[in-house]
Each structure stands twice: as structure tokens, then as C-alpha cells.
Amino acid sequence: MTDHRDPTGARLDELLGAWRAEIDEVPVPSLVDPLRAVDVVIEAKLRRGRVHPPPDGARTRPPGDAREETV
């Protein structure tokens, strides 16, 4: 059986295959601990509806009606 593929396509396949093999050689650590992520989601569901102010006191809106304070 003869290979009738385009030589450029065959070279690209070879290059991408080698690149993938090189990437797969290096283990990638987990970015998120799955057990901790589940705990956070469960806790968020239990606390649904309760919104606490940010710890640094930042506000998303100025106090009062901002339209009245515009000059």
C-alpha cells in the first residue's frame, strides 16, 4: 500500500505528533484540589442568599443616590 498523502501534510502530522509527545512527557500538577472545590461549592450552596460586604470595605456603589450628588 502506497502513501499518497501530501508530503507537507505528512510532515505537519509528524511535527504535531512530536510536539504532543513532548508536551505529554511533562506532568502537569492539578490547579485545583478536587476535594476542596467540592467543599467550596457545597458551602456556597448552603449560604446561598447571604451576601457579605468585602473585607476591605470596598463598595460597588456610592452611599445614597449617586444621581443626586452629580454636579
PDB file of N, CA and C in Angstrom:
ATOM      1  N   MET A   1       0.838  -1.170   0.000  1.00  0.00           N
ATOM      2  CA  MET A   1       0.000   0.000   0.000  1.00  0.00           C
ATOM      3  C   MET A   1       0.889   1.241   0.000  1.00  0.00           C
ATOM      4  N   THR A   2       0.620   2.120  -0.908  1.00  0.00           N
ATOM      5  CA  THR A   2       1.437   3.333  -1.043  1.00  0.00           C
ATOM      6  C   THR A   2       0.786   4.514  -0.325  1.00  0.00           C
ATOM      7  N   ASP A   3       1.613   5.417   0.167  1.00  0.00           N
ATOM      8  CA  ASP A   3       1.125   6.606   0.852  1.00  0.00           C
ATOM      9  C   ASP A   3       0.999   7.724  -0.161  1.00  0.00           C
ATOM     10  N   HIS A   4      -0.239   8.148  -0.438  1.00  0.00           N
ATOM     11  CA  HIS A   4      -0.486   9.195  -1.434  1.00  0.00           C
ATOM     12  C   HIS A   4      -0.748  10.546  -0.781  1.00  0.00           C
ATOM     13  N   ARG A   5      -0.410  10.683   0.503  1.00  0.00           N
ATOM     14  CA  ARG A   5      -0.644  11.953   1.168  1.00  0.00           C
ATOM     15  C   ARG A   5       0.323  13.012   0.678  1.00  0.00           C
ATOM     16  N   ASP A   6      -0.104  14.246   0.860  1.00  0.00           N
ATOM     17  CA  ASP A   6       0.743  15.390   0.533  1.00  0.00           C
ATOM     18  C   ASP A   6       1.958  15.368   1.463  1.00  0.00           C
ATOM     19  N   PRO A   7       3.179  15.506   0.957  1.00  0.00           N
ATOM     20  CA  PRO A   7       4.370  15.460   1.811  1.00  0.00           C
ATOM     21  C   PRO A   7       4.355  16.551   2.888  1.00  0.00           C
ATOM     22  N   THR A   8       3.777  17.707   2.556  1.00  0.00           N
ATOM     23  CA  THR A   8       3.701  18.785   3.538  1.00  0.00           C
ATOM     24  C   THR A   8       2.771  18.388   4.675  1.00  0.00           C
ATOM     25  N   GLY A   9       1.632  17.779   4.362  1.00  0.00           N
ATOM     26  CA  GLY A   9       0.682  17.325   5.380  1.00  0.00           C
ATOM     27  C   GLY A   9       1.292  16.242   6.253  1.00  0.00           C
ATOM     28  N   ALA A  10       2.045  15.333   5.617  1.00  0.00           N
ATOM     29  CA  ALA A  10       2.698  14.260   6.371  1.00  0.00           C
ATOM     30  C   ALA A  10       3.731  14.844   7.336  1.00  0.00           C
ATOM     31  N   ARG A  11       4.470  15.845   6.880  1.00  0.00           N
ATOM     32  CA  ARG A  11       5.480  16.492   7.727  1.00  0.00           C
ATOM     33  C   ARG A  11       4.803  17.227   8.884  1.00  0.00           C
ATOM     34  N   LEU A  12       3.673  17.880   8.597  1.00  0.00           N
ATOM     35  CA  LEU A  12       2.938  18.589   9.638  1.00  0.00           C
ATOM     36  C   LEU A  12       2.420  17.597  10.692  1.00  0.00           C
ATOM     37  N   ASP A  13       1.873  16.469  10.239  1.00  0.00           N
ATOM     38  CA  ASP A  13       1.414  15.427  11.162  1.00  0.00           C
ATOM     39  C   ASP A  13       2.557  14.936  12.048  1.00  0.00           C
ATOM     40  N   GLU A  14       3.710  14.738  11.440  1.00  0.00           N
ATOM     41  CA  GLU A  14       4.886  14.277  12.182  1.00  0.00           C
ATOM     42  C   GLU A  14       5.310  15.320  13.218  1.00  0.00           C
ATOM     43  N   LEU A  15       5.333  16.592  12.803  1.00  0.00           N
ATOM     44  CA  LEU A  15       5.735  17.680  13.688  1.00  0.00           C
ATOM     45  C   LEU A  15       4.771  17.826  14.862  1.00  0.00           C
ATOM     46  N   LEU A  16       3.462  17.812  14.580  1.00  0.00           N
ATOM     47  CA  LEU A  16       2.466  17.959  15.638  1.00  0.00           C
ATOM     48  C   LEU A  16       2.469  16.751  16.570  1.00  0.00           C
ATOM     49  N   GLY A  17       2.697  15.563  16.015  1.00  0.00           N
ATOM     50  CA  GLY A  17       2.788  14.359  16.844  1.00  0.00           C
ATOM     51  C   GLY A  17       3.973  14.421  17.789  1.00  0.00           C
ATOM     52  N   ALA A  18       5.098  14.894  17.292  1.00  0.00           N
ATOM     53  CA  ALA A  18       6.296  15.023  18.127  1.00  0.00           C
ATOM     54  C   ALA A  18       6.078  16.083  19.207  1.00  0.00           C
ATOM     55  N   TRP A  19       5.401  17.157  18.846  1.00  0.00           N
ATOM     56  CA  TRP A  19       5.114  18.228  19.797  1.00  0.00           C
ATOM     57  C   TRP A  19       4.211  17.710  20.913  1.00  0.00           C
ATOM     58  N   ARG A  20       3.171  16.963  20.541  1.00  0.00           N
ATOM     59  CA  ARG A  20       2.254  16.407  21.541  1.00  0.00           C
ATOM     60  C   ARG A  20       2.992  15.432  22.473  1.00  0.00           C
ATOM     61  N   ALA A  21       3.846  14.595  21.905  1.00  0.00           N
ATOM     62  CA  ALA A  21       4.601  13.641  22.726  1.00  0.00           C
ATOM     63  C   ALA A  21       5.491  14.384  23.715  1.00  0.00           C
ATOM     64  N   GLU A  22       6.094  15.489  23.264  1.00  0.00           N
ATOM     65  CA  GLU A  22       6.946  16.284  24.137  1.00  0.00           C
ATOM     66  C   GLU A  22       6.131  16.913  25.274  1.00  0.00           C
ATOM     67  N   ILE A  23       4.949  17.398  24.952  1.00  0.00           N
ATOM     68  CA  ILE A  23       4.082  18.009  25.972  1.00  0.00           C
ATOM     69  C   ILE A  23       3.607  16.951  26.963  1.00  0.00           C
ATOM     70  N   ASP A  24       3.245  15.771  26.468  1.00  0.00           N
ATOM     71  CA  ASP A  24       2.744  14.704  27.335  1.00  0.00           C
ATOM     72  C   ASP A  24       3.808  14.146  28.276  1.00  0.00           C
ATOM     73  N   GLU A  25       5.084  14.373  27.976  1.00  0.00           N
ATOM     74  CA  GLU A  25       6.166  13.873  28.823  1.00  0.00           C
ATOM     75  C   GLU A  25       6.221  14.591  30.167  1.00  0.00           C
ATOM     76  N   VAL A  26       5.824  15.861  30.184  1.00  0.00           N
ATOM     77  CA  VAL A  26       5.932  16.660  31.399  1.00  0.00           C
ATOM     78  C   VAL A  26       4.602  16.622  32.145  1.00  0.00           C
ATOM     79  N   PRO A  27       4.594  16.094  33.367  1.00  0.00           N
ATOM     80  CA  PRO A  27       3.332  16.055  34.119  1.00  0.00           C
ATOM     81  C   PRO A  27       2.906  17.456  34.554  1.00  0.00           C
ATOM     82  N   VAL A  28       1.618  17.710  34.483  1.00  0.00           N
ATOM     83  CA  VAL A  28       1.068  18.998  34.889  1.00  0.00           C
ATOM     84  C   VAL A  28       0.327  18.790  36.209  1.00  0.00           C
ATOM     85  N   PRO A  29       0.726  19.527  37.238  1.00  0.00           N
ATOM     86  CA  PRO A  29       0.042  19.372  38.524  1.00  0.00           C
ATOM     87  C   PRO A  29      -1.383  19.910  38.449  1.00  0.00           C
ATOM     88  N   SER A  30      -2.250  19.408  39.299  1.00  0.00           N
ATOM     89  CA  SER A  30      -3.620  19.894  39.352  1.00  0.00           C
ATOM     90  C   SER A  30      -3.626  21.341  39.803  1.00  0.00           C
ATOM     91  N   LEU A  31      -4.446  22.147  39.152  1.00  0.00           N
ATOM     92  CA  LEU A  31      -4.549  23.544  39.533  1.00  0.00           C
ATOM     93  C   LEU A  31      -5.489  23.723  40.717  1.00  0.00           C
ATOM     94  N   VAL A  32      -6.439  22.807  40.846  1.00  0.00           N
ATOM     95  CA  VAL A  32      -7.424  22.883  41.921  1.00  0.00           C
ATOM     96  C   VAL A  32      -7.527  21.515  42.578  1.00  0.00           C
ATOM     97  N   ASP A  33      -7.545  21.519  43.900  1.00  0.00           N
ATOM     98  CA  ASP A  33      -7.749  20.287  44.632  1.00  0.00           C
ATOM     99  C   ASP A  33      -9.230  19.929  44.522  1.00  0.00           C
ATOM    100  N   PRO A  34      -9.567  18.809  43.880  1.00  0.00           N
ATOM    101  CA  PRO A  34     -10.983  18.464  43.661  1.00  0.00           C
ATOM    102  C   PRO A  34     -11.801  18.380  44.947  1.00  0.00           C
ATOM    103  N   LEU A  35     -11.244  17.840  46.015  1.00  0.00           N
ATOM    104  CA  LEU A  35     -11.986  17.731  47.267  1.00  0.00           C
ATOM    105  C   LEU A  35     -12.282  19.114  47.852  1.00  0.00           C
ATOM    106  N   ARG A  36     -11.313  19.996  47.798  1.00  0.00           N
ATOM    107  CA  ARG A  36     -11.520  21.370  48.290  1.00  0.00           C
ATOM    108  C   ARG A  36     -12.560  22.081  47.429  1.00  0.00           C
ATOM    109  N   ALA A  37     -12.537  21.872  46.120  1.00  0.00           N
ATOM    110  CA  ALA A  37     -13.502  22.510  45.227  1.00  0.00           C
ATOM    111  C   ALA A  37     -14.924  22.060  45.557  1.00  0.00           C
ATOM    112  N   VAL A  38     -15.098  20.788  45.828  1.00  0.00           N
ATOM    113  CA  VAL A  38     -16.425  20.274  46.193  1.00  0.00           C
ATOM    114  C   VAL A  38     -16.886  20.915  47.496  1.00  0.00           C
ATOM    115  N   ASP A  39     -15.994  21.015  48.468  1.00  0.00           N
ATOM    116  CA  ASP A  39     -16.342  21.642  49.745  1.00  0.00           C
ATOM    117  C   ASP A  39     -16.778  23.096  49.551  1.00  0.00           C
ATOM    118  N   VAL A  40     -16.077  23.824  48.705  1.00  0.00           N
ATOM    119  CA  VAL A  40     -16.412  25.232  48.455  1.00  0.00           C
ATOM    120  C   VAL A  40     -17.785  25.345  47.795  1.00  0.00           C
ATOM    121  N   VAL A  41     -18.075  24.490  46.840  1.00  0.00           N
ATOM    122  CA  VAL A  41     -19.372  24.533  46.154  1.00  0.00           C
ATOM    123  C   VAL A  41     -20.499  24.195  47.130  1.00  0.00           C
ATOM    124  N   ILE A  42     -20.306  23.173  47.949  1.00  0.00           N
ATOM    125  CA  ILE A  42     -21.337  22.794  48.923  1.00  0.00           C
ATOM    126  C   ILE A  42     -21.579  23.937  49.910  1.00  0.00           C
ATOM    127  N   GLU A  43     -20.501  24.541  50.392  1.00  0.00           N
ATOM    128  CA  GLU A  43     -20.637  25.655  51.327  1.00  0.00           C
ATOM    129  C   GLU A  43     -21.362  26.832  50.671  1.00  0.00           C
ATOM    130  N   ALA A  44     -21.053  27.120  49.414  1.00  0.00           N
ATOM    131  CA  ALA A  44     -21.712  28.220  48.711  1.00  0.00           C
ATOM    132  C   ALA A  44     -23.200  27.951  48.549  1.00  0.00           C
ATOM    133  N   LYS A  45     -23.569  26.704  48.276  1.00  0.00           N
ATOM    134  CA  LYS A  45     -24.988  26.367  48.136  1.00  0.00           C
ATOM    135  C   LYS A  45     -25.716  26.523  49.469  1.00  0.00           C
ATOM    136  N   LEU A  46     -25.060  26.166  50.561  1.00  0.00           N
ATOM    137  CA  LEU A  46     -25.684  26.287  51.879  1.00  0.00           C
ATOM    138  C   LEU A  46     -25.876  27.753  52.275  1.00  0.00           C
ATOM    139  N   ARG A  47     -24.973  28.593  51.855  1.00  0.00           N
ATOM    140  CA  ARG A  47     -25.020  30.008  52.216  1.00  0.00           C
ATOM    141  C   ARG A  47     -25.711  30.869  51.163  1.00  0.00           C
ATOM    142  N   ARG A  48     -26.330  30.258  50.196  1.00  0.00           N
ATOM    143  CA  ARG A  48     -26.967  30.993  49.100  1.00  0.00           C
ATOM    144  C   ARG A  48     -27.902  32.056  49.674  1.00  0.00           C
ATOM    145  N   GLY A  49     -27.837  33.243  49.113  1.00  0.00           N
ATOM    146  CA  GLY A  49     -28.718  34.305  49.542  1.00  0.00           C
ATOM    147  C   GLY A  49     -28.064  35.260  50.524  1.00  0.00           C
ATOM    148  N   ARG A  50     -27.049  34.816  51.217  1.00  0.00           N
ATOM    149  CA  ARG A  50     -26.360  35.694  52.160  1.00  0.00           C
ATOM    150  C   ARG A  50     -25.166  36.328  51.464  1.00  0.00           C
ATOM    151  N   VAL A  51     -25.186  37.639  51.339  1.00  0.00           N
ATOM    152  CA  VAL A  51     -24.068  38.343  50.713  1.00  0.00           C
ATOM    153  C   VAL A  51     -23.395  39.183  51.780  1.00  0.00           C
ATOM    154  N   HIS A  52     -22.124  38.978  51.948  1.00  0.00           N
ATOM    155  CA  HIS A  52     -21.366  39.714  52.949  1.00  0.00           C
ATOM    156  C   HIS A  52     -20.554  40.811  52.274  1.00  0.00           C
ATOM    157  N   PRO A  53     -20.366  41.955  52.948  1.00  0.00           N
ATOM    158  CA  PRO A  53     -19.555  43.014  52.355  1.00  0.00           C
ATOM    159  C   PRO A  53     -18.102  42.560  52.224  1.00  0.00           C
ATOM    160  N   PRO A  54     -17.381  43.118  51.263  1.00  0.00           N
ATOM    161  CA  PRO A  54     -15.974  42.737  51.112  1.00  0.00           C
ATOM    162  C   PRO A  54     -15.185  43.132  52.361  1.00  0.00           C
ATOM    163  N   PRO A  55     -14.159  42.365  52.711  1.00  0.00           N
ATOM    164  CA  PRO A  55     -13.413  42.618  53.946  1.00  0.00           C
ATOM    165  C   PRO A  55     -12.676  43.955  53.952  1.00  0.00           C
ATOM    166  N   ASP A  56     -12.363  44.492  52.784  1.00  0.00           N
ATOM    167  CA  ASP A  56     -11.605  45.748  52.756  1.00  0.00           C
ATOM    168  C   ASP A  56     -12.513  46.977  52.779  1.00  0.00           C
ATOM    169  N   GLY A  57     -13.827  46.786  52.881  1.00  0.00           N
ATOM    170  CA  GLY A  57     -14.755  47.905  52.946  1.00  0.00           C
ATOM    171  C   GLY A  57     -15.051  48.538  51.597  1.00  0.00           C
ATOM    172  N   ALA A  58     -14.580  47.939  50.522  1.00  0.00           N
ATOM    173  CA  ALA A  58     -14.839  48.492  49.191  1.00  0.00           C
ATOM    174  C   ALA A  58     -16.337  48.449  48.901  1.00  0.00           C
ATOM    175  N   ARG A  59     -16.805  49.427  48.176  1.00  0.00           N
ATOM    176  CA  ARG A  59     -18.223  49.466  47.824  1.00  0.00           C
ATOM    177  C   ARG A  59     -18.340  49.518  46.307  1.00  0.00           C
ATOM    178  N   THR A  60     -19.400  48.901  45.796  1.00  0.00           N
ATOM    179  CA  THR A  60     -19.605  48.933  44.353  1.00  0.00           C
ATOM    180  C   THR A  60     -20.395  50.168  43.945  1.00  0.00           C
ATOM    181  N   ARG A  61     -21.141  50.771  44.886  1.00  0.00           N
ATOM    182  CA  ARG A  61     -21.904  51.985  44.620  1.00  0.00           C
ATOM    183  C   ARG A  61     -21.639  52.980  45.744  1.00  0.00           C
ATOM    184  N   PRO A  62     -21.684  54.251  45.413  1.00  0.00           N
ATOM    185  CA  PRO A  62     -21.526  55.237  46.492  1.00  0.00           C
ATOM    186  C   PRO A  62     -22.752  55.215  47.390  1.00  0.00           C
ATOM    187  N   PRO A  63     -22.606  55.624  48.653  1.00  0.00           N
ATOM    188  CA  PRO A  63     -23.769  55.631  49.534  1.00  0.00           C
ATOM    189  C   PRO A  63     -24.811  56.638  49.050  1.00  0.00           C
ATOM    190  N   GLY A  64     -26.069  56.360  49.263  1.00  0.00           N
ATOM    191  CA  GLY A  64     -27.134  57.255  48.829  1.00  0.00           C
ATOM    192  C   GLY A  64     -27.391  57.137  47.348  1.00  0.00           C
ATOM    193  N   ASP A  65     -28.107  58.084  46.814  1.00  0.00           N
ATOM    194  CA  ASP A  65     -28.430  58.093  45.390  1.00  0.00           C
ATOM    195  C   ASP A  65     -27.365  58.902  44.650  1.00  0.00           C
ATOM    196  N   ALA A  66     -26.570  58.267  43.831  1.00  0.00           N
ATOM    197  CA  ALA A  66     -25.469  58.926  43.139  1.00  0.00           C
ATOM    198  C   ALA A  66     -25.977  60.004  42.182  1.00  0.00           C
ATOM    199  N   ARG A  67     -27.198  59.883  41.666  1.00  0.00           N
ATOM    200  CA  ARG A  67     -27.715  60.874  40.722  1.00  0.00           C
ATOM    201  C   ARG A  67     -27.919  62.219  41.391  1.00  0.00           C
ATOM    202  N   GLU A  68     -28.276  62.231  42.671  1.00  0.00           N
ATOM    203  CA  GLU A  68     -28.495  63.493  43.369  1.00  0.00           C
ATOM    204  C   GLU A  68     -27.181  64.217  43.644  1.00  0.00           C
ATOM    205  N   GLU A  69     -26.098  63.473  43.734  1.00  0.00           N
ATOM    206  CA  GLU A  69     -24.816  64.079  44.070  1.00  0.00           C
ATOM    207  C   GLU A  69     -24.064  64.616  42.850  1.00  0.00           C
ATOM    208  N   THR A  70     -24.580  64.382  41.656  1.00  0.00           N
ATOM    209  CA  THR A  70     -23.878  64.824  40.445  1.00  0.00           C
ATOM    210  C   THR A  70     -24.028  66.325  40.291  1.00  0.00           C
ATOM    211  N   VAL A  71     -22.950  66.964  39.897  1.00  0.00           N
ATOM    212  CA  VAL A  71     -22.982  68.425  39.728  1.00  0.00           C
ATOM    213  C   VAL A  71     -23.195  68.773  38.295  1.00  0.00           C
TER     214      VAL A  71
END
